[in-house]
Amino acid sequence: MKTIRPVILADMKGSRGHPLSSPNRPLQFRSLIQDDTPFQDTLERVSAPEFLPPLILTPQSLVEIIEEECDEIAFDYEELLITPEGTCDDSALLQAAQWAQARREVFPLLVCPAHHFVLDQTAFMRAVHDGAQTAEQGYVVSFGVVAQWAETAYDYIEVGTRLHAGYSGHHVLSFVEKPERGQAQSLLDAHRFVWNGGIYCALPETVINRLSSGNEDQSLSAQLFTQDGPVCVVSLLTVWSDLSVWSGLWKALNLQET
């Protein structure tokens, strides 16, 4: 039964990941790791029977590329939601939640940036199932990744006690946004912080409640984690990389070589 609506954030600008990325063809539309592009990999990651066709959020300037990429792998999406040029992820996600609410959808939204690398589909689906169960209880769920080095380009989540027996949801004790090098090393050494994987699961109503009153000067992650309301983290127990960060890209490339 299809019970989860994927939301693909395909709006990353070409300025990130330069020179591999350009305004005409941002990094998520380049074959970096294998034949398929990161965008195509993301679509295929959410093609299991549990998923409804995804919403794809993108500025008008990338629509032609997206349609070409979907045609290459014969992938059918639900709808392209056009975001204004320069729109932040929080506005894009709010737009997706309002789209779902207008259609009286009550399925959890699974928010996936199109420039991530996830090695193990089985581990990904395990996290999705745990995240969807928790999201249905009104939580904003983040996928947490084991921190392996003192990365300053990622957010960190302090993991608390388990929510329920039987799956991997844990309370969030604190959230640290892109720390400086010294603080990142301290968080790593504490052995109770994970990287925020930037993949989220929440009901449309939950997203609207969190983001409608948020601070537009804050990042999407900060708004989701600092507004009033329950948040939790589930474990994504596989190799994950943000390909727009050089350390993440090199990690994924080296993994493929070995």
Protein backbone atom coordinates (compact mmCIF):
# COMPACT_ATOMS: atom_id res chain seq x y z
CA MET A 1 0.00 0.00 0.00
CA LYS A 2 1.33 3.43 -0.96
CA THR A 3 1.45 5.50 2.20
CA ILE A 4 4.36 7.97 1.87
CA ARG A 5 4.63 11.01 -0.41
CA PRO A 6 8.24 11.80 -1.40
CA VAL A 7 9.20 15.43 -1.85
CA ILE A 8 12.36 15.90 -3.94
CA LEU A 9 14.24 19.16 -3.43
CA ALA A 10 15.92 19.66 -6.81
CA ASP A 11 16.58 23.37 -6.42
CA MET A 12 20.29 23.41 -5.50
CA LYS A 13 22.09 26.20 -7.32
CA GLY A 14 24.97 25.57 -9.68
CA SER A 15 27.28 27.70 -7.55
CA ARG A 16 27.65 24.84 -5.06
CA GLY A 17 30.21 22.22 -6.06
CA HIS A 18 31.93 24.45 -8.64
CA PRO A 19 33.59 23.61 -11.02
CA LEU A 20 31.72 20.29 -11.27
CA SER A 21 28.50 22.29 -11.03
CA SER A 22 27.27 25.19 -13.15
CA PRO A 23 24.10 27.33 -13.32
CA ASN A 24 23.05 25.51 -16.51
CA ARG A 25 23.63 22.05 -15.03
CA PRO A 26 23.89 21.94 -11.24
CA LEU A 27 25.74 19.12 -9.54
CA GLN A 28 22.64 16.95 -8.95
CA PHE A 29 22.27 16.55 -12.73
CA ARG A 30 25.82 15.34 -13.45
CA SER A 31 26.95 11.71 -13.50
CA LEU A 32 29.44 11.93 -10.65
CA ILE A 33 29.45 8.50 -9.02
CA GLN A 34 27.88 6.19 -11.60
CA ASP A 35 25.93 6.37 -14.86
CA ASP A 36 22.79 7.80 -13.28
CA THR A 37 22.92 11.30 -11.86
CA PRO A 38 22.32 12.00 -8.14
CA PHE A 39 18.87 13.32 -9.07
CA GLN A 40 18.02 10.09 -10.88
CA ASP A 41 19.39 8.03 -7.99
CA THR A 42 17.14 9.97 -5.63
CA LEU A 43 14.09 9.23 -7.77
CA GLU A 44 14.92 5.52 -7.91
CA ARG A 45 15.46 5.51 -4.13
CA VAL A 46 11.79 6.44 -3.66
CA SER A 47 10.32 4.03 -6.22
CA ALA A 48 9.51 1.20 -3.77
CA PRO A 49 5.85 0.10 -3.44
CA GLU A 50 5.40 2.15 -0.26
CA PHE A 51 5.84 5.42 -2.12
CA LEU A 52 3.36 7.54 -3.99
CA PRO A 53 4.77 9.35 -7.04
CA PRO A 54 6.96 12.20 -5.80
CA LEU A 55 6.53 15.92 -5.87
CA ILE A 56 9.57 17.62 -7.38
CA LEU A 57 10.33 21.17 -6.28
CA THR A 58 12.40 23.20 -8.69
CA PRO A 59 12.79 26.68 -10.15
CA GLN A 60 11.55 27.22 -13.69
CA SER A 61 15.13 27.34 -14.99
CA LEU A 62 15.67 23.63 -14.21
CA VAL A 63 12.36 22.23 -15.50
CA GLU A 64 13.73 21.18 -18.90
CA ILE A 65 16.67 19.31 -17.33
CA ILE A 66 14.37 17.57 -14.85
CA GLU A 67 12.00 16.40 -17.58
CA GLU A 68 14.94 15.08 -19.61
CA GLU A 69 16.34 13.24 -16.60
CA CYS A 70 12.98 11.66 -15.79
CA ASP A 71 12.49 10.59 -19.41
CA GLU A 72 15.93 8.92 -19.44
CA ILE A 73 14.91 6.51 -16.67
CA ALA A 74 11.18 6.38 -17.59
CA PHE A 75 10.18 7.82 -14.23
CA ASP A 76 6.72 9.27 -13.58
CA TYR A 77 6.38 11.97 -10.93
CA GLU A 78 3.17 13.36 -9.44
CA GLU A 79 3.78 17.04 -10.13
CA LEU A 80 6.48 19.64 -10.62
CA LEU A 81 6.02 22.44 -8.12
CA ILE A 82 7.72 25.56 -9.44
CA THR A 83 9.53 27.57 -6.81
CA PRO A 84 10.65 31.18 -7.30
CA GLU A 85 14.32 31.57 -8.20
CA GLY A 86 16.35 31.87 -5.01
CA THR A 87 13.68 30.26 -2.83
CA CYS A 88 15.02 28.61 0.32
CA ASP A 89 14.26 24.99 1.18
CA ASP A 90 11.86 26.01 3.96
CA SER A 91 9.60 27.89 1.53
CA ALA A 92 9.75 25.01 -0.94
CA LEU A 93 8.81 22.44 1.71
CA LEU A 94 5.98 24.64 2.96
CA GLN A 95 4.71 24.82 -0.63
CA ALA A 96 4.71 21.01 -0.84
CA ALA A 97 2.88 20.65 2.48
CA GLN A 98 0.23 23.16 1.38
CA TRP A 99 -0.17 21.24 -1.90
CA ALA A 100 -0.81 18.04 0.07
CA GLN A 101 -3.15 19.70 2.54
CA ALA A 102 -5.20 21.25 -0.28
CA ARG A 103 -5.76 17.72 -1.59
CA ARG A 104 -6.58 16.44 1.91
CA GLU A 105 -3.63 14.09 1.88
CA VAL A 106 -2.64 12.79 5.30
CA PHE A 107 0.37 10.72 4.25
CA PRO A 108 3.78 11.55 5.71
CA LEU A 109 6.01 13.62 3.45
CA LEU A 110 9.52 12.25 2.94
CA VAL A 111 11.80 15.16 2.08
CA CYS A 112 14.87 14.17 0.05
CA PRO A 113 17.47 16.56 -1.37
CA ALA A 114 18.49 15.52 -4.88
CA HIS A 115 22.24 15.82 -4.28
CA HIS A 116 22.74 13.07 -1.69
CA PHE A 117 24.43 9.68 -2.00
CA VAL A 118 22.97 6.75 -0.03
CA LEU A 119 24.71 3.40 -0.45
CA ASP A 120 22.31 0.80 0.98
CA GLN A 121 18.67 0.88 -0.13
CA THR A 122 17.65 -1.68 2.52
CA ALA A 123 19.02 0.51 5.31
CA PHE A 124 17.34 3.54 3.76
CA MET A 125 13.95 1.80 3.68
CA ARG A 126 14.36 0.66 7.28
CA ALA A 127 14.87 4.29 8.32
CA VAL A 128 11.91 5.36 6.16
CA HIS A 129 9.57 2.87 7.84
CA ASP A 130 10.68 3.97 11.31
CA GLY A 131 10.45 7.62 10.33
CA ALA A 132 6.97 7.32 8.84
CA GLN A 133 5.62 5.59 11.95
CA THR A 134 7.00 8.37 14.12
CA ALA A 135 5.86 11.17 11.81
CA GLU A 136 2.30 9.89 12.04
CA GLN A 137 2.45 10.72 15.77
CA GLY A 138 3.11 14.39 14.99
CA TYR A 139 6.91 14.37 15.08
CA VAL A 140 9.32 16.01 12.71
CA VAL A 141 11.78 13.21 11.99
CA SER A 142 15.35 13.66 10.81
CA PHE A 143 17.54 10.87 9.48
CA GLY A 144 20.73 10.83 11.54
CA VAL A 145 24.06 9.58 10.18
CA VAL A 146 26.99 8.38 12.29
CA ALA A 147 29.50 11.25 12.44
CA GLN A 148 32.88 10.06 11.16
CA TRP A 149 35.01 13.21 11.28
CA ALA A 150 34.76 16.79 12.53
CA GLU A 151 32.84 18.14 9.55
CA THR A 152 31.92 21.83 9.70
CA ALA A 153 29.51 21.77 6.73
CA TYR A 154 26.95 19.50 8.44
CA ASP A 155 24.53 20.06 11.31
CA TYR A 156 24.78 17.89 14.43
CA ILE A 157 22.00 16.29 16.50
CA GLU A 158 22.42 15.19 20.10
CA VAL A 159 20.69 11.82 20.47
CA GLY A 160 18.56 11.16 23.55
CA THR A 161 16.59 8.17 24.77
CA ARG A 162 14.63 5.85 22.51
CA LEU A 163 11.02 6.85 21.86
CA HIS A 164 9.62 3.32 21.67
CA ALA A 165 10.97 -0.20 21.68
CA GLY A 166 11.19 -1.92 18.32
CA TYR A 167 12.38 0.88 16.05
CA SER A 168 15.10 3.48 15.91
CA GLY A 169 13.41 6.76 16.82
CA HIS A 170 15.21 8.75 19.55
CA HIS A 171 14.50 12.03 21.29
CA VAL A 172 16.57 15.02 20.18
CA LEU A 173 18.39 16.68 23.08
CA SER A 174 19.99 19.51 21.11
CA PHE A 175 20.72 20.75 17.61
CA VAL A 176 23.97 22.42 16.50
CA GLU A 177 24.06 24.13 13.12
CA LYS A 178 27.33 23.88 11.15
CA PRO A 179 29.81 24.28 14.02
CA GLU A 180 33.30 25.69 13.74
CA ARG A 181 36.20 23.23 13.62
CA GLY A 182 36.94 23.14 17.34
CA GLN A 183 33.31 22.68 18.32
CA ALA A 184 32.83 20.02 15.63
CA GLN A 185 35.73 18.05 17.10
CA SER A 186 34.22 18.34 20.59
CA LEU A 187 30.86 17.08 19.31
CA LEU A 188 32.56 14.16 17.59
CA ASP A 189 34.54 13.29 20.72
CA ALA A 190 31.36 13.34 22.84
CA HIS A 191 30.06 10.21 21.01
CA ARG A 192 26.43 11.22 21.42
CA PHE A 193 26.01 13.44 18.34
CA VAL A 194 25.13 12.36 14.80
CA TRP A 195 25.17 14.28 11.56
CA ASN A 196 21.84 15.61 10.42
CA GLY A 197 21.34 13.79 7.12
CA GLY A 198 19.02 16.48 5.74
CA ILE A 199 16.30 13.90 4.99
CA TYR A 200 13.07 14.56 6.89
CA CYS A 201 9.70 12.91 7.41
CA ALA A 202 6.62 14.71 8.73
CA LEU A 203 2.89 15.07 8.14
CA PRO A 204 1.79 18.01 5.98
CA GLU A 205 -0.02 19.55 8.95
CA THR A 206 3.11 19.28 11.08
CA VAL A 207 5.24 20.99 8.42
CA ILE A 208 2.75 23.83 8.03
CA ASN A 209 2.54 24.39 11.78
CA ARG A 210 6.34 24.48 12.11
CA LEU A 211 7.22 26.60 9.11
CA SER A 212 4.31 29.04 8.93
CA SER A 213 5.54 30.84 12.05
CA GLY A 214 9.26 30.26 11.47
CA ASN A 215 12.11 32.70 11.09
CA GLU A 216 12.94 33.13 7.40
CA ASP A 217 16.52 34.01 8.33
CA GLN A 218 17.02 30.49 9.72
CA SER A 219 17.83 27.42 7.66
CA LEU A 220 15.22 24.72 7.10
CA SER A 221 16.93 22.47 9.65
CA ALA A 222 17.04 25.17 12.31
CA GLN A 223 13.37 26.00 11.83
CA LEU A 224 12.28 22.38 12.06
CA PHE A 225 14.34 21.74 15.18
CA THR A 226 13.89 24.98 17.11
CA GLN A 227 10.16 25.63 16.71
CA ASP A 228 7.81 24.30 19.38
CA GLY A 229 6.74 20.70 18.80
CA PRO A 230 8.15 17.18 19.03
CA VAL A 231 11.24 16.25 17.03
CA CYS A 232 13.16 13.01 16.83
CA VAL A 233 15.97 11.35 14.94
CA VAL A 234 16.02 7.90 13.33
CA SER A 235 19.19 6.07 12.38
CA LEU A 236 20.26 5.89 8.74
CA LEU A 237 22.77 3.07 9.13
CA THR A 238 24.58 3.20 5.82
CA VAL A 239 27.12 5.30 3.96
CA TRP A 240 25.63 8.73 3.27
CA SER A 241 27.19 11.78 1.64
CA ASP A 242 26.12 15.28 0.75
CA LEU A 243 27.71 15.56 -2.69
CA SER A 244 27.69 19.36 -2.60
CA VAL A 245 30.32 19.18 0.18
CA TRP A 246 33.79 18.31 -1.11
CA SER A 247 34.54 15.86 1.72
CA GLY A 248 31.24 14.08 1.03
CA LEU A 249 31.89 13.89 -2.70
CA TRP A 250 35.41 12.48 -2.24
CA LYS A 251 34.08 9.93 0.23
CA ALA A 252 31.49 8.68 -2.26
CA LEU A 253 34.00 8.64 -5.13
CA ASN A 254 36.56 6.70 -3.11
CA LEU A 255 33.91 4.21 -2.05
CA GLN A 256 32.99 3.50 -5.67
CA GLU A 257 36.66 3.03 -6.60
CA THR A 258 37.11 0.39 -3.90
